[in-house]
C-alpha atoms as a PDB file:
ATOM      1  CA  MET A   1     -44.084 -14.481  67.413  1.00  0.00           C
ATOM      2  CA  TRP A   2     -42.071 -17.607  67.943  1.00  0.00           C
ATOM      3  CA  ASP A   3     -38.332 -17.766  67.976  1.00  0.00           C
ATOM      4  CA  LEU A   4     -36.418 -20.456  66.095  1.00  0.00           C
ATOM      5  CA  THR A   5     -35.811 -22.646  69.156  1.00  0.00           C
ATOM      6  CA  THR A   6     -39.501 -22.773  70.059  1.00  0.00           C
ATOM      7  CA  ALA A   7     -40.474 -23.544  66.467  1.00  0.00           C
ATOM      8  CA  LEU A   8     -37.968 -26.403  66.256  1.00  0.00           C
ATOM      9  CA  LEU A   9     -39.113 -27.846  69.585  1.00  0.00           C
ATOM     10  CA  ALA A  10     -42.770 -27.700  68.518  1.00  0.00           C
ATOM     11  CA  THR A  11     -41.926 -29.365  65.203  1.00  0.00           C
ATOM     12  CA  ALA A  12     -39.945 -32.114  66.932  1.00  0.00           C
ATOM     13  CA  ALA A  13     -42.722 -32.710  69.483  1.00  0.00           C
ATOM     14  CA  VAL A  14     -45.448 -32.938  66.831  1.00  0.00           C
ATOM     15  CA  ALA A  15     -43.389 -35.181  64.534  1.00  0.00           C
ATOM     16  CA  GLY A  16     -42.372 -37.445  67.432  1.00  0.00           C
ATOM     17  CA  GLY A  17     -45.947 -37.750  68.616  1.00  0.00           C
ATOM     18  CA  ALA A  18     -47.137 -38.493  65.103  1.00  0.00           C
ATOM     19  CA  VAL A  19     -44.610 -41.301  64.714  1.00  0.00           C
ATOM     20  CA  ALA A  20     -45.519 -42.733  68.124  1.00  0.00           C
ATOM     21  CA  LEU A  21     -49.308 -42.634  67.642  1.00  0.00           C
ATOM     22  CA  PRO A  22     -50.100 -42.474  63.914  1.00  0.00           C
ATOM     23  CA  PRO A  23     -53.876 -43.114  64.050  1.00  0.00           C
ATOM     24  CA  LEU A  24     -54.373 -40.384  66.640  1.00  0.00           C
ATOM     25  CA  ALA A  25     -52.011 -38.050  64.780  1.00  0.00           C
ATOM     26  CA  ARG A  26     -54.006 -38.424  61.577  1.00  0.00           C
ATOM     27  CA  VAL A  27     -57.286 -37.483  63.261  1.00  0.00           C
ATOM     28  CA  VAL A  28     -55.968 -34.680  65.466  1.00  0.00           C
ATOM     29  CA  GLY A  29     -53.609 -33.376  62.776  1.00  0.00           C
ATOM     30  CA  GLY A  30     -56.392 -33.221  60.215  1.00  0.00           C
ATOM     31  CA  PHE A  31     -58.659 -31.420  62.679  1.00  0.00           C
ATOM     32  CA  CYS A  32     -55.938 -28.897  63.553  1.00  0.00           C
ATOM     33  CA  ALA A  33     -55.142 -28.331  59.884  1.00  0.00           C
ATOM     34  CA  VAL A  34     -58.787 -27.542  59.094  1.00  0.00           C
ATOM     35  CA  ILE A  35     -59.159 -25.263  62.129  1.00  0.00           C
ATOM     36  CA  GLY A  36     -55.914 -23.515  61.199  1.00  0.00           C
ATOM     37  CA  MET A  37     -57.014 -22.991  57.607  1.00  0.00           C
ATOM     38  CA  LEU A  38     -60.359 -21.575  58.721  1.00  0.00           C
ATOM     39  CA  GLY A  39     -58.601 -19.329  61.225  1.00  0.00           C
ATOM     40  CA  THR A  40     -56.241 -18.112  58.516  1.00  0.00           C
ATOM     41  CA  LEU A  41     -59.217 -17.092  56.409  1.00  0.00           C
ATOM     42  CA  ARG A  42     -60.460 -15.047  59.356  1.00  0.00           C
ATOM     43  CA  GLY A  43     -57.062 -13.399  59.853  1.00  0.00           C
ATOM     44  CA  ARG A  44     -56.111 -14.955  63.190  1.00  0.00           C
ATOM     45  CA  THR A  45     -52.416 -14.718  64.052  1.00  0.00           C
ATOM     46  CA  TRP A  46     -52.208 -18.206  65.608  1.00  0.00           C
ATOM     47  CA  ALA A  47     -53.855 -19.939  62.665  1.00  0.00           C
ATOM     48  CA  PRO A  48     -50.893 -20.443  60.283  1.00  0.00           C
ATOM     49  CA  THR A  49     -48.940 -22.141  63.075  1.00  0.00           C
ATOM     50  CA  VAL A  50     -51.827 -24.460  63.937  1.00  0.00           C
ATOM     51  CA  ALA A  51     -52.386 -25.267  60.262  1.00  0.00           C
ATOM     52  CA  ALA A  52     -48.701 -26.013  59.634  1.00  0.00           C
ATOM     53  CA  LEU A  53     -48.308 -28.218  62.700  1.00  0.00           C
ATOM     54  CA  GLY A  54     -51.614 -29.971  61.929  1.00  0.00           C
ATOM     55  CA  LEU A  55     -50.493 -30.737  58.383  1.00  0.00           C
ATOM     56  CA  LEU A  56     -47.153 -31.973  59.705  1.00  0.00           C
ATOM     57  CA  ALA A  57     -48.881 -34.316  62.164  1.00  0.00           C
ATOM     58  CA  TRP A  58     -51.292 -35.549  59.478  1.00  0.00           C
ATOM     59  CA  PHE A  59     -48.561 -36.268  56.912  1.00  0.00           C
ATOM     60  CA  VAL A  60     -46.164 -37.892  59.393  1.00  0.00           C
ATOM     61  CA  GLY A  61     -49.033 -39.928  60.869  1.00  0.00           C
ATOM     62  CA  HIS A  62     -50.034 -41.229  57.433  1.00  0.00           C
ATOM     63  CA  TRP A  63     -46.436 -41.976  56.481  1.00  0.00           C
ATOM     64  CA  SER A  64     -45.669 -43.723  59.774  1.00  0.00           C
ATOM     65  CA  PHE A  65     -48.834 -45.821  59.562  1.00  0.00           C
ATOM     66  CA  ALA A  66     -48.048 -46.837  55.973  1.00  0.00           C
ATOM     67  CA  VAL A  67     -44.464 -47.777  56.822  1.00  0.00           C
ATOM     68  CA  ARG A  68     -45.599 -49.948  59.737  1.00  0.00           C
ATOM     69  CA  ARG A  69     -48.129 -51.728  57.528  1.00  0.00           C
ATOM     70  CA  GLY A  70     -45.706 -52.179  54.627  1.00  0.00           C
ATOM     71  CA  ARG A  71     -47.762 -49.987  52.302  1.00  0.00           C
ATOM     72  CA  ALA A  72     -45.399 -47.054  51.862  1.00  0.00           C
ATOM     73  CA  LEU A  73     -44.859 -45.976  48.268  1.00  0.00           C
ATOM     74  CA  SER A  74     -41.291 -46.068  47.111  1.00  0.00           C
ATOM     75  CA  VAL A  75     -39.588 -45.071  43.888  1.00  0.00           C
ATOM     76  CA  VAL A  76     -37.257 -48.046  44.271  1.00  0.00           C
ATOM     77  CA  ASP A  77     -40.206 -50.477  44.335  1.00  0.00           C
ATOM     78  CA  GLY A  78     -41.580 -49.028  41.130  1.00  0.00           C
ATOM     79  CA  ALA A  79     -44.759 -47.831  42.849  1.00  0.00           C
ATOM     80  CA  VAL A  80     -44.414 -44.306  41.516  1.00  0.00           C
ATOM     81  CA  GLY A  81     -45.078 -43.852  37.822  1.00  0.00           C
ATOM     82  CA  ASP A  82     -46.736 -47.200  37.160  1.00  0.00           C
END
């Protein structure tokens, strides 16, 4: 299994890449998340890691894209709960 340092480096690399290239991160992250979920159903040991990093890339890619376009939801703006 992974140690803490490797997990943190992988998380930082995926999040950094997702912020740098949000459209690509959304596509690749979504693909990895689906492959990871399917692998988890089949009992593969690598699958939860791929699913978690894919979801991270997908969420950060969507957030980064929304922030750059000025469409991010914010509690301060009153967008939540309207």
